[in-house]
């Protein structure tokens, strides 16, 4: 284990945290010695990819939950989306202008 510790620290320093975790877990598995180098390397790389994909998904979910302040004046009616300006203003109930409490 002492020879692998610098490698784990280097992986962490390089921000390859998934690979570092997987390597630590491999060291604790008794049957891991039976796997070939290619198989163990593939496991490390797969773990890193999964960790990064999970982190990216978590970040996208955090950003998706944020509410944005929007106001009627920000609507772009030039883009062909079938928006009717008078209908939007009617539905808004005569909300006049952009206020800090108006969010959509």
C-alpha atoms as a PDB file:
ATOM      1  CA  UNK A   1       0.000   0.000   0.000  1.00  0.00           C
ATOM      2  CA  UNK A   2       2.884   2.372   0.682  1.00  0.00           C
ATOM      3  CA  UNK A   3       3.979   2.326  -2.966  1.00  0.00           C
ATOM      4  CA  UNK A   4       0.495   3.191  -4.175  1.00  0.00           C
ATOM      5  CA  UNK A   5      -0.026   6.130  -1.774  1.00  0.00           C
ATOM      6  CA  UNK A   6       2.020   8.640  -3.857  1.00  0.00           C
ATOM      7  CA  UNK A   7       0.068   7.594  -6.946  1.00  0.00           C
ATOM      8  CA  UNK A   8      -3.240   8.219  -5.173  1.00  0.00           C
ATOM      9  CA  UNK A   9      -2.020  11.624  -4.003  1.00  0.00           C
ATOM     10  CA  UNK A  10      -0.915  12.485  -7.548  1.00  0.00           C
ATOM     11  CA  UNK A  11      -4.323  11.481  -8.907  1.00  0.00           C
ATOM     12  CA  UNK A  12      -5.965  13.769  -6.356  1.00  0.00           C
ATOM     13  CA  UNK A  13      -3.611  16.624  -7.183  1.00  0.00           C
ATOM     14  CA  UNK A  14      -4.501  16.187 -10.855  1.00  0.00           C
ATOM     15  CA  UNK A  15      -8.173  16.281  -9.833  1.00  0.00           C
ATOM     16  CA  UNK A  16      -8.764  12.711 -10.963  1.00  0.00           C
ATOM     17  CA  UNK A  17     -10.773  12.024  -7.833  1.00  0.00           C
ATOM     18  CA  UNK A  18     -12.797   9.185  -9.333  1.00  0.00           C
ATOM     19  CA  UNK A  19      -9.657   7.317 -10.304  1.00  0.00           C
ATOM     20  CA  UNK A  20      -8.146   7.911  -6.861  1.00  0.00           C
ATOM     21  CA  UNK A  21     -11.253   6.534  -5.118  1.00  0.00           C
ATOM     22  CA  UNK A  22     -11.385   3.538  -7.449  1.00  0.00           C
ATOM     23  CA  UNK A  23      -7.698   2.761  -6.896  1.00  0.00           C
ATOM     24  CA  UNK A  24      -8.161   2.895  -3.132  1.00  0.00           C
ATOM     25  CA  UNK A  25     -11.140   0.560  -3.427  1.00  0.00           C
ATOM     26  CA  UNK A  26      -9.166  -1.806  -5.683  1.00  0.00           C
ATOM     27  CA  UNK A  27      -6.468  -2.038  -3.040  1.00  0.00           C
ATOM     28  CA  UNK A  28      -8.991  -3.267  -0.495  1.00  0.00           C
ATOM     29  CA  UNK A  29     -10.445  -5.967  -2.771  1.00  0.00           C
ATOM     30  CA  UNK A  30      -8.757  -9.367  -2.421  1.00  0.00           C
ATOM     31  CA  UNK A  31      -9.727 -10.587  -5.917  1.00  0.00           C
ATOM     32  CA  UNK A  32      -8.444  -7.491  -7.663  1.00  0.00           C
ATOM     33  CA  UNK A  33      -4.999  -9.070  -8.137  1.00  0.00           C
ATOM     34  CA  UNK A  34      -6.551 -11.573 -10.534  1.00  0.00           C
ATOM     35  CA  UNK A  35      -7.515  -8.836 -12.971  1.00  0.00           C
ATOM     36  CA  UNK A  36      -5.149  -7.869 -15.757  1.00  0.00           C
ATOM     37  CA  UNK A  37      -3.583  -4.419 -15.939  1.00  0.00           C
ATOM     38  CA  UNK A  38      -5.928  -3.497 -18.789  1.00  0.00           C
ATOM     39  CA  UNK A  39      -8.986  -4.533 -16.797  1.00  0.00           C
ATOM     40  CA  UNK A  40      -7.912  -2.570 -13.740  1.00  0.00           C
ATOM     41  CA  UNK A  41      -7.043   0.482 -15.818  1.00  0.00           C
ATOM     42  CA  UNK A  42     -10.424   0.274 -17.551  1.00  0.00           C
ATOM     43  CA  UNK A  43     -12.126   0.194 -14.154  1.00  0.00           C
ATOM     44  CA  UNK A  44     -10.229   3.306 -13.064  1.00  0.00           C
ATOM     45  CA  UNK A  45     -11.021   5.209 -16.241  1.00  0.00           C
ATOM     46  CA  UNK A  46     -14.687   4.158 -16.148  1.00  0.00           C
ATOM     47  CA  UNK A  47     -14.982   5.344 -12.551  1.00  0.00           C
ATOM     48  CA  UNK A  48     -13.476   8.714 -13.423  1.00  0.00           C
ATOM     49  CA  UNK A  49     -15.883   9.112 -16.342  1.00  0.00           C
ATOM     50  CA  UNK A  50     -18.880   8.218 -14.157  1.00  0.00           C
ATOM     51  CA  UNK A  51     -17.776  10.636 -11.426  1.00  0.00           C
ATOM     52  CA  UNK A  52     -17.401  13.463 -13.936  1.00  0.00           C
ATOM     53  CA  UNK A  53     -20.732  12.691 -15.616  1.00  0.00           C
ATOM     54  CA  UNK A  54     -22.440  12.671 -12.209  1.00  0.00           C
ATOM     55  CA  UNK A  55     -20.837  15.967 -11.226  1.00  0.00           C
ATOM     56  CA  UNK A  56     -21.874  17.578 -14.516  1.00  0.00           C
ATOM     57  CA  UNK A  57     -25.440  16.329 -14.103  1.00  0.00           C
ATOM     58  CA  UNK A  58     -25.587  17.604 -10.528  1.00  0.00           C
ATOM     59  CA  UNK A  59     -24.355  21.011 -11.685  1.00  0.00           C
ATOM     60  CA  UNK A  60     -26.965  21.167 -14.455  1.00  0.00           C
ATOM     61  CA  UNK A  61     -29.697  20.233 -11.977  1.00  0.00           C
ATOM     62  CA  UNK A  62     -28.558  22.923  -9.539  1.00  0.00           C
ATOM     63  CA  UNK A  63     -28.601  25.531 -12.293  1.00  0.00           C
ATOM     64  CA  UNK A  64     -31.999  24.375 -13.565  1.00  0.00           C
ATOM     65  CA  UNK A  65     -33.579  24.921 -10.156  1.00  0.00           C
ATOM     66  CA  UNK A  66     -32.560  28.543  -9.950  1.00  0.00           C
ATOM     67  CA  UNK A  67     -35.348  30.957 -10.602  1.00  0.00           C
ATOM     68  CA  UNK A  68     -34.578  33.812 -12.889  1.00  0.00           C
ATOM     69  CA  UNK A  69     -36.063  37.224 -12.533  1.00  0.00           C
ATOM     70  CA  UNK A  70     -37.833  38.051 -15.770  1.00  0.00           C
ATOM     71  CA  UNK A  71     -40.070  40.843 -16.895  1.00  0.00           C
ATOM     72  CA  UNK A  72     -42.469  41.310 -19.753  1.00  0.00           C
ATOM     73  CA  UNK A  73     -40.158  43.805 -21.437  1.00  0.00           C
ATOM     74  CA  UNK A  74     -37.555  41.038 -21.815  1.00  0.00           C
ATOM     75  CA  UNK A  75     -39.766  38.920 -24.082  1.00  0.00           C
ATOM     76  CA  UNK A  76     -38.459  38.863 -27.641  1.00  0.00           C
ATOM     77  CA  UNK A  77     -41.505  38.888 -29.877  1.00  0.00           C
ATOM     78  CA  UNK A  78     -39.359  38.981 -33.038  1.00  0.00           C
ATOM     79  CA  UNK A  79     -38.450  35.316 -32.635  1.00  0.00           C
ATOM     80  CA  UNK A  80     -41.127  33.229 -34.414  1.00  0.00           C
ATOM     81  CA  UNK A  81     -42.686  31.381 -31.474  1.00  0.00           C
ATOM     82  CA  UNK A  82     -46.305  32.311 -31.999  1.00  0.00           C
ATOM     83  CA  UNK A  83     -46.452  34.679 -29.029  1.00  0.00           C
ATOM     84  CA  UNK A  84     -49.253  37.222 -29.032  1.00  0.00           C
ATOM     85  CA  UNK A  85     -48.096  40.401 -27.325  1.00  0.00           C
ATOM     86  CA  UNK A  86     -51.609  41.544 -26.346  1.00  0.00           C
ATOM     87  CA  UNK A  87     -52.496  38.096 -24.968  1.00  0.00           C
ATOM     88  CA  UNK A  88     -49.308  37.990 -22.885  1.00  0.00           C
ATOM     89  CA  UNK A  89     -50.042  41.412 -21.405  1.00  0.00           C
ATOM     90  CA  UNK A  90     -53.671  40.443 -20.739  1.00  0.00           C
ATOM     91  CA  UNK A  91     -52.563  37.263 -18.964  1.00  0.00           C
ATOM     92  CA  UNK A  92     -50.061  39.251 -16.937  1.00  0.00           C
ATOM     93  CA  UNK A  93     -53.006  41.182 -15.554  1.00  0.00           C
ATOM     94  CA  UNK A  94     -51.726  44.572 -16.479  1.00  0.00           C
ATOM     95  CA  UNK A  95     -48.428  44.153 -14.665  1.00  0.00           C
ATOM     96  CA  UNK A  96     -46.600  47.307 -15.468  1.00  0.00           C
ATOM     97  CA  UNK A  97     -42.914  47.005 -16.049  1.00  0.00           C
ATOM     98  CA  UNK A  98     -40.167  45.037 -14.475  1.00  0.00           C
ATOM     99  CA  UNK A  99     -40.252  44.712 -10.694  1.00  0.00           C
ATOM    100  CA  UNK A 100     -37.987  42.826  -8.374  1.00  0.00           C
ATOM    101  CA  UNK A 101     -40.855  40.543  -7.309  1.00  0.00           C
ATOM    102  CA  UNK A 102     -42.008  39.606 -10.815  1.00  0.00           C
ATOM    103  CA  UNK A 103     -40.606  36.187 -11.693  1.00  0.00           C
ATOM    104  CA  UNK A 104     -41.697  33.713 -14.286  1.00  0.00           C
END
